[in-house]
Amino acid sequence: MNANAPLMPKATAVWLIENTALSFEQIADFCKMHALEIQALADEEGPRIIGQSPLASGELSREEIERCEKDPSGILIMKRNDLPQPKIRAKGPRYTPVSKRGDKPDAIAYLLKHHSELTDVQVTKLIGTTKTTIAAVRDRTHSNMTNIKPRNPVDLGLCTYVDLEAALEKARKAYEKQGKALPAKPAEVEYEDTSAKKSSGFDFSNFLGTGSGSGNH
């Protein structure tokens, strides 16, 4: 956790959304989150995180909040940064709930199709998979190949939008450094819902959007 972030970033963000006129950008900066994450919290329906007041925790003063409400460009300054910090744990393999592990091949398929500029190492770290599984999806040898369909890993909850964007930016910079053009994005194709096509089996060329003669990424 960032030493200058509130002890409970999301709960603090929810409180600031509900109780102040601060902008998403101001709240995101204070809570060390992305503005899109703040917007998602604001738009969330149904049961949500219970807000935690930064006034009660001594992290902000009412005067500081009012100052930034009056100045949209103002940056909230934490009143105290001596909050107890959790122990930093050495990074290990990304943990994925059992209920979501079956979604990984779909996420791999999506990244291979839409973001082939990502390296296998990046995909491995992004969704917590293995190079063996990536190779099996790419080579069409995965045991569940006929049921795999490309699905965005963010929508599946396997990674955050921020994580994905960071990985893509890193990949783009690597291509620029090597003087190489980014891989072309697959064209979106609309398929007719006919029984003939339904019974024709799995067409992996459409799955990767590269044509039947391509197998290299």
Foldseek 3Di string as FASTA:
>chain_A
DDLQADPDLVLQLLCCLVPAQAQLVQSCQRRVHDSVVSVCQNPDDDDHRHHDHCCVVQQADPVQRVVCSVPNPDHRGTRDRPDDDDDDDDDDQDDDDPVLPVCLLLQLLQCLQFPVLFDLVLSCRAQVDDSVSSVCQLVVNDPCSQPHAHDHCCVSVSHHPVSVVVRSVVSVVVCVVVVHDGDDHADDDDDDPDVCVVPPGDDVCVSNNPDPVDRDD
